[in-house]
C-alpha atoms as a PDB file:
ATOM      1  CA  MET A   1       0.103  -0.031  -0.026  1.00  0.00           C
ATOM      2  CA  HIS A   2       1.481   3.503  -0.905  1.00  0.00           C
ATOM      3  CA  SER A   3       0.599   6.691   0.786  1.00  0.00           C
ATOM      4  CA  VAL A   4      -1.004   9.514  -0.893  1.00  0.00           C
ATOM      5  CA  HIS A   5       1.195  12.619  -0.859  1.00  0.00           C
ATOM      6  CA  ARG A   6      -0.856  15.670   0.626  1.00  0.00           C
ATOM      7  CA  ASN A   7      -0.363  19.036  -0.369  1.00  0.00           C
ATOM      8  CA  MET A   8      -1.192  21.830   2.008  1.00  0.00           C
ATOM      9  CA  HIS A   9      -2.997  24.671  -0.182  1.00  0.00           C
ATOM     10  CA  LEU A  10      -3.668  27.913   1.599  1.00  0.00           C
ATOM     11  CA  LEU A  11      -6.802  29.927   0.107  1.00  0.00           C
ATOM     12  CA  ALA A  12      -7.963  33.290   0.463  1.00  0.00           C
ATOM     13  CA  LEU A  13     -11.734  33.782  -0.261  1.00  0.00           C
ATOM     14  CA  GLY A  14     -13.629  37.137  -0.583  1.00  0.00           C
ATOM     15  CA  SER A  15     -16.852  38.585  -1.755  1.00  0.00           C
ATOM     16  CA  ASN A  16     -18.354  42.140  -1.807  1.00  0.00           C
ATOM     17  CA  ALA A  17     -21.056  41.592  -4.463  1.00  0.00           C
ATOM     18  CA  THR A  18     -23.903  42.861  -2.299  1.00  0.00           C
ATOM     19  CA  GLY A  19     -22.575  45.400   0.281  1.00  0.00           C
ATOM     20  CA  GLU A  20     -24.226  43.320   2.787  1.00  0.00           C
ATOM     21  CA  SER A  21     -22.073  41.276   5.251  1.00  0.00           C
ATOM     22  CA  SER A  22     -24.590  38.712   5.895  1.00  0.00           C
ATOM     23  CA  SER A  23     -25.026  38.153   2.153  1.00  0.00           C
ATOM     24  CA  ASN A  24     -21.443  38.007   1.183  1.00  0.00           C
ATOM     25  CA  ALA A  25     -20.734  35.706   4.134  1.00  0.00           C
ATOM     26  CA  GLY A  26     -23.317  33.316   2.567  1.00  0.00           C
ATOM     27  CA  LEU A  27     -21.456  33.373  -0.481  1.00  0.00           C
ATOM     28  CA  LEU A  28     -18.256  32.490   1.151  1.00  0.00           C
ATOM     29  CA  ALA A  29     -20.357  29.432   2.969  1.00  0.00           C
ATOM     30  CA  GLN A  30     -21.425  28.473  -0.630  1.00  0.00           C
ATOM     31  CA  ALA A  31     -18.011  28.679  -1.693  1.00  0.00           C
ATOM     32  CA  TYR A  32     -16.516  26.525   1.127  1.00  0.00           C
ATOM     33  CA  ASP A  33     -19.249  23.959   0.396  1.00  0.00           C
ATOM     34  CA  ALA A  34     -18.342  23.667  -3.204  1.00  0.00           C
ATOM     35  CA  ILE A  35     -14.576  23.504  -2.324  1.00  0.00           C
ATOM     36  CA  LYS A  36     -15.392  20.475   0.146  1.00  0.00           C
ATOM     37  CA  ALA A  37     -17.584  18.754  -2.541  1.00  0.00           C
ATOM     38  CA  GLY A  38     -14.563  18.952  -5.030  1.00  0.00           C
ATOM     39  CA  LEU A  39     -11.933  17.299  -3.316  1.00  0.00           C
ATOM     40  CA  SER A  40     -10.749  14.431  -1.484  1.00  0.00           C
ATOM     41  CA  GLY A  41      -9.140  15.978   1.777  1.00  0.00           C
ATOM     42  CA  THR A  42      -9.728  18.364   4.574  1.00  0.00           C
ATOM     43  CA  LEU A  43     -10.578  21.985   4.974  1.00  0.00           C
ATOM     44  CA  ARG A  44     -10.035  24.175   8.056  1.00  0.00           C
ATOM     45  CA  SER A  45     -11.557  27.762   7.598  1.00  0.00           C
ATOM     46  CA  SER A  46     -11.025  30.860   9.481  1.00  0.00           C
ATOM     47  CA  ARG A  47     -13.480  33.211  10.968  1.00  0.00           C
ATOM     48  CA  LEU A  48     -14.981  35.832   8.525  1.00  0.00           C
ATOM     49  CA  PHE A  49     -13.692  39.211   8.549  1.00  0.00           C
ATOM     50  CA  SER A  50     -15.084  42.557   7.383  1.00  0.00           C
ATOM     51  CA  THR A  51     -12.606  44.496   5.405  1.00  0.00           C
ATOM     52  CA  PRO A  52     -12.223  47.572   3.180  1.00  0.00           C
ATOM     53  CA  ALA A  53     -12.387  47.073  -0.620  1.00  0.00           C
ATOM     54  CA  PHE A  54      -8.881  47.236  -2.116  1.00  0.00           C
ATOM     55  CA  PRO A  55      -7.576  49.426  -3.605  1.00  0.00           C
ATOM     56  CA  LYS A  56      -9.440  51.837  -1.407  1.00  0.00           C
ATOM     57  CA  GLY A  57     -12.506  53.192  -3.022  1.00  0.00           C
ATOM     58  CA  SER A  58     -12.896  50.401  -5.468  1.00  0.00           C
ATOM     59  CA  GLY A  59     -16.184  48.966  -4.082  1.00  0.00           C
ATOM     60  CA  PRO A  60     -17.914  48.066  -1.091  1.00  0.00           C
ATOM     61  CA  ASP A  61     -16.493  46.378   1.782  1.00  0.00           C
ATOM     62  CA  PHE A  62     -15.549  42.696   1.723  1.00  0.00           C
ATOM     63  CA  VAL A  63     -16.145  39.674   3.569  1.00  0.00           C
ATOM     64  CA  ASN A  64     -12.833  37.551   3.645  1.00  0.00           C
ATOM     65  CA  ALA A  65     -11.665  34.551   5.040  1.00  0.00           C
ATOM     66  CA  CYS A  66      -9.038  31.772   4.572  1.00  0.00           C
ATOM     67  CA  ALA A  67      -8.743  27.995   4.496  1.00  0.00           C
ATOM     68  CA  VAL A  68      -6.307  25.503   4.793  1.00  0.00           C
ATOM     69  CA  VAL A  69      -6.960  22.380   2.207  1.00  0.00           C
ATOM     70  CA  GLU A  70      -4.903  19.296   2.683  1.00  0.00           C
ATOM     71  CA  SER A  71      -5.174  17.443  -0.574  1.00  0.00           C
ATOM     72  CA  ASP A  72      -3.502  15.452  -2.920  1.00  0.00           C
ATOM     73  CA  LEU A  73      -4.519  18.108  -6.026  1.00  0.00           C
ATOM     74  CA  SER A  74      -1.700  19.532  -7.672  1.00  0.00           C
ATOM     75  CA  PRO A  75      -1.296  23.291  -7.521  1.00  0.00           C
ATOM     76  CA  GLU A  76      -2.679  23.674 -11.043  1.00  0.00           C
ATOM     77  CA  ALA A  77      -5.631  21.201 -10.355  1.00  0.00           C
ATOM     78  CA  MET A  78      -6.516  23.428  -7.026  1.00  0.00           C
ATOM     79  CA  LEU A  79      -6.430  26.479  -9.031  1.00  0.00           C
ATOM     80  CA  ALA A  80      -8.553  24.976 -11.663  1.00  0.00           C
ATOM     81  CA  LEU A  81     -11.260  23.827  -9.087  1.00  0.00           C
ATOM     82  CA  CYS A  82     -11.169  27.439  -7.564  1.00  0.00           C
ATOM     83  CA  HIS A  83     -11.774  29.077 -10.834  1.00  0.00           C
ATOM     84  CA  ARG A  84     -14.497  26.617 -11.661  1.00  0.00           C
ATOM     85  CA  ILE A  85     -16.232  27.270  -8.498  1.00  0.00           C
ATOM     86  CA  GLU A  86     -15.986  31.072  -9.323  1.00  0.00           C
ATOM     87  CA  ALA A  87     -17.532  30.625 -12.549  1.00  0.00           C
ATOM     88  CA  GLU A  88     -20.410  28.645 -11.372  1.00  0.00           C
ATOM     89  CA  MET A  89     -21.086  31.088  -8.691  1.00  0.00           C
ATOM     90  CA  GLY A  90     -21.218  33.788 -11.393  1.00  0.00           C
ATOM     91  CA  ARG A  91     -17.909  35.514 -11.158  1.00  0.00           C
ATOM     92  CA  VAL A  92     -17.173  37.538 -14.288  1.00  0.00           C
ATOM     93  CA  ARG A  93     -13.776  38.978 -14.912  1.00  0.00           C
ATOM     94  CA  THR A  94     -14.198  42.160 -16.218  1.00  0.00           C
ATOM     95  CA  ARG A  95     -11.849  44.581 -14.235  1.00  0.00           C
ATOM     96  CA  ARG A  96      -8.803  43.939 -12.209  1.00  0.00           C
ATOM     97  CA  TRP A  97      -9.536  44.380  -8.431  1.00  0.00           C
ATOM     98  CA  GLY A  98     -13.464  45.242  -9.120  1.00  0.00           C
ATOM     99  CA  GLN A  99     -16.579  44.120  -7.274  1.00  0.00           C
ATOM    100  CA  ARG A 100     -16.836  40.374  -6.820  1.00  0.00           C
ATOM    101  CA  VAL A 101     -19.636  37.790  -6.261  1.00  0.00           C
ATOM    102  CA  ILE A 102     -16.668  35.409  -5.028  1.00  0.00           C
ATOM    103  CA  ASP A 103     -12.722  35.509  -5.119  1.00  0.00           C
ATOM    104  CA  ILE A 104     -10.846  32.331  -4.437  1.00  0.00           C
ATOM    105  CA  ASP A 105      -7.129  32.809  -4.484  1.00  0.00           C
ATOM    106  CA  LEU A 106      -4.478  30.196  -4.418  1.00  0.00           C
ATOM    107  CA  LEU A 107      -2.152  31.701  -2.013  1.00  0.00           C
ATOM    108  CA  ALA A 108       0.507  29.062  -1.538  1.00  0.00           C
ATOM    109  CA  VAL A 109       1.129  25.217  -1.529  1.00  0.00           C
ATOM    110  CA  GLY A 110       3.238  24.111   1.228  1.00  0.00           C
ATOM    111  CA  ASP A 111       6.786  25.769   0.424  1.00  0.00           C
ATOM    112  CA  GLN A 112       6.344  25.418  -3.161  1.00  0.00           C
ATOM    113  CA  ILE A 113       7.863  28.488  -5.646  1.00  0.00           C
ATOM    114  CA  LEU A 114       6.235  28.311  -9.100  1.00  0.00           C
ATOM    115  CA  PRO A 115       7.178  28.731 -11.716  1.00  0.00           C
ATOM    116  CA  ASP A 116      10.609  29.844 -10.424  1.00  0.00           C
ATOM    117  CA  ARG A 117      12.090  32.377  -7.708  1.00  0.00           C
ATOM    118  CA  ALA A 118      12.891  35.160 -10.146  1.00  0.00           C
ATOM    119  CA  THR A 119       9.699  35.192 -11.769  1.00  0.00           C
ATOM    120  CA  VAL A 120       7.792  35.203  -8.241  1.00  0.00           C
ATOM    121  CA  THR A 121      10.349  37.889  -7.125  1.00  0.00           C
ATOM    122  CA  HIS A 122       9.734  39.840 -10.206  1.00  0.00           C
ATOM    123  CA  TRP A 123       5.924  40.050  -9.531  1.00  0.00           C
ATOM    124  CA  MET A 124       6.321  40.755  -5.670  1.00  0.00           C
ATOM    125  CA  GLU A 125       8.477  43.891  -6.427  1.00  0.00           C
ATOM    126  CA  LEU A 126       5.914  45.455  -8.948  1.00  0.00           C
ATOM    127  CA  PRO A 127       4.765  48.931  -8.200  1.00  0.00           C
ATOM    128  CA  LEU A 128       1.165  49.212  -7.558  1.00  0.00           C
ATOM    129  CA  GLU A 129       0.329  51.068 -10.612  1.00  0.00           C
ATOM    130  CA  ASP A 130       1.543  48.259 -12.423  1.00  0.00           C
ATOM    131  CA  GLN A 131      -0.067  45.558 -10.246  1.00  0.00           C
ATOM    132  CA  MET A 132      -3.121  47.142 -11.089  1.00  0.00           C
ATOM    133  CA  ARG A 133      -3.005  46.917 -14.968  1.00  0.00           C
ATOM    134  CA  LEU A 134      -0.861  43.784 -15.434  1.00  0.00           C
ATOM    135  CA  ALA A 135      -2.009  40.221 -14.582  1.00  0.00           C
ATOM    136  CA  PRO A 136       0.405  37.151 -14.786  1.00  0.00           C
ATOM    137  CA  GLU A 137      -0.340  34.475 -17.578  1.00  0.00           C
ATOM    138  CA  HIS A 138       0.709  31.377 -15.365  1.00  0.00           C
ATOM    139  CA  LEU A 139       0.302  30.390 -11.911  1.00  0.00           C
ATOM    140  CA  LEU A 140       2.543  32.218  -9.490  1.00  0.00           C
ATOM    141  CA  LEU A 141       3.148  30.577  -5.858  1.00  0.00           C
ATOM    142  CA  PRO A 142       3.261  32.005  -3.335  1.00  0.00           C
ATOM    143  CA  HIS A 143       0.858  34.869  -4.384  1.00  0.00           C
ATOM    144  CA  PRO A 144       3.299  37.573  -4.954  1.00  0.00           C
ATOM    145  CA  ARG A 145       1.484  40.331  -2.531  1.00  0.00           C
ATOM    146  CA  LEU A 146       0.023  37.829   0.092  1.00  0.00           C
ATOM    147  CA  HIS A 147       2.918  39.443   2.725  1.00  0.00           C
ATOM    148  CA  GLN A 148       1.403  42.866   2.034  1.00  0.00           C
ATOM    149  CA  ARG A 149      -2.242  42.399   2.674  1.00  0.00           C
ATOM    150  CA  GLY A 150      -3.811  42.603   5.938  1.00  0.00           C
ATOM    151  CA  PHE A 151      -7.137  41.353   4.611  1.00  0.00           C
ATOM    152  CA  VAL A 152      -5.151  38.154   3.888  1.00  0.00           C
ATOM    153  CA  LEU A 153      -3.043  37.720   6.767  1.00  0.00           C
ATOM    154  CA  VAL A 154      -5.397  38.353   9.515  1.00  0.00           C
ATOM    155  CA  PRO A 155      -7.686  35.385   8.483  1.00  0.00           C
ATOM    156  CA  LEU A 156      -4.736  33.327   7.427  1.00  0.00           C
ATOM    157  CA  ALA A 157      -3.350  34.001  10.936  1.00  0.00           C
ATOM    158  CA  ASP A 158      -6.304  31.923  12.308  1.00  0.00           C
ATOM    159  CA  VAL A 159      -5.669  28.585  10.474  1.00  0.00           C
ATOM    160  CA  ALA A 160      -1.929  28.758   9.530  1.00  0.00           C
ATOM    161  CA  PRO A 161      -0.083  31.327  11.744  1.00  0.00           C
ATOM    162  CA  ASP A 162       3.276  29.259  11.497  1.00  0.00           C
ATOM    163  CA  TRP A 163       3.326  28.869   7.804  1.00  0.00           C
ATOM    164  CA  VAL A 164       6.699  30.239   6.516  1.00  0.00           C
ATOM    165  CA  HIS A 165       6.655  32.256   3.279  1.00  0.00           C
ATOM    166  CA  PRO A 166       9.440  30.383   1.203  1.00  0.00           C
ATOM    167  CA  LEU A 167      10.847  33.750  -0.280  1.00  0.00           C
ATOM    168  CA  THR A 168      10.694  36.300   2.716  1.00  0.00           C
ATOM    169  CA  GLY A 169      11.431  33.223   5.299  1.00  0.00           C
ATOM    170  CA  GLN A 170       8.894  34.983   7.714  1.00  0.00           C
ATOM    171  CA  SER A 171       5.892  33.244   9.177  1.00  0.00           C
ATOM    172  CA  VAL A 172       2.313  34.592   8.711  1.00  0.00           C
ATOM    173  CA  ARG A 173       2.464  35.879  12.485  1.00  0.00           C
ATOM    174  CA  ALA A 174       5.679  38.039  11.587  1.00  0.00           C
ATOM    175  CA  MET A 175       4.284  39.174   8.352  1.00  0.00           C
ATOM    176  CA  LEU A 176       1.064  40.430   9.974  1.00  0.00           C
ATOM    177  CA  GLU A 177       2.962  42.063  12.915  1.00  0.00           C
ATOM    178  CA  ALA A 178       4.983  43.967   9.981  1.00  0.00           C
ATOM    179  CA  LEU A 179       2.006  45.710   8.588  1.00  0.00           C
ATOM    180  CA  ASP A 180       0.582  49.108   9.563  1.00  0.00           C
ATOM    181  CA  PRO A 181      -1.556  48.740  12.815  1.00  0.00           C
ATOM    182  CA  ALA A 182      -4.305  51.221  11.090  1.00  0.00           C
ATOM    183  CA  GLU A 183      -4.856  48.939   8.337  1.00  0.00           C
ATOM    184  CA  ILE A 184      -5.091  46.055  10.726  1.00  0.00           C
ATOM    185  CA  ALA A 185      -7.652  48.118  12.986  1.00  0.00           C
ATOM    186  CA  GLU A 186      -9.953  48.492   9.902  1.00  0.00           C
ATOM    187  CA  ILE A 187     -10.213  44.461   9.624  1.00  0.00           C
ATOM    188  CA  ARG A 188     -13.090  43.348  11.966  1.00  0.00           C
ATOM    189  CA  PRO A 189     -14.401  39.869  12.614  1.00  0.00           C
ATOM    190  CA  ILE A 190     -17.961  39.359  11.867  1.00  0.00           C
END
C-alpha cells in the first residue's frame, strides 16, 4: 500500500457582491461547500472578517476568510477547481480588483515556488500602479502580494499562523506584525 502525498493549499476567499456582510458571508459559505465537494481532503476555515475594499474606493467592503486545504491535488488542479467554482457562482472577470461575487485565490502550496524564484520575485516587486493593470499569464506561488495584505494575513493567522513564506522566510504571524496597525484596525471579525 502506498501513501498519498498531501499538499497543504492556502486559500483566500472574498466577496463584496452585495454590500451586505450577511449576504457576502453566505456566498463564502457556498464557496466552502463547493470546495469541500470538489476534493478528497480536509478543509479548515478561518473566521469571517469585514475588510475595506482594495484598492481603497474600488467598491463595497469585503467579507474575507482563509482556508487550509490538505489534498492530493496539484497546485494547477486546485487553481482550476477554484476558477470553476468562481464561474459556477457567477464570477465574471471584467475589471481587475473590481466588485466580485466570489474571489478564491490560491495563496500558497506548502513551500513550493512556481514557476521559479526570479519570476515570483519580479511580481512581488512590481509597483502598485503596475499591479493594477498587469496580470500574470501563469500560476505564481506563493501569491506575490500576500505578505502585504492585511485582509489576507489576518484570516490566514487563524488557520496557518506558523506557515513560513518560502521567499521572505517570515511566518504569517511575523508578516502580520510588520503591517501598519491602522490597516489591521480596519479588519473586523463578523
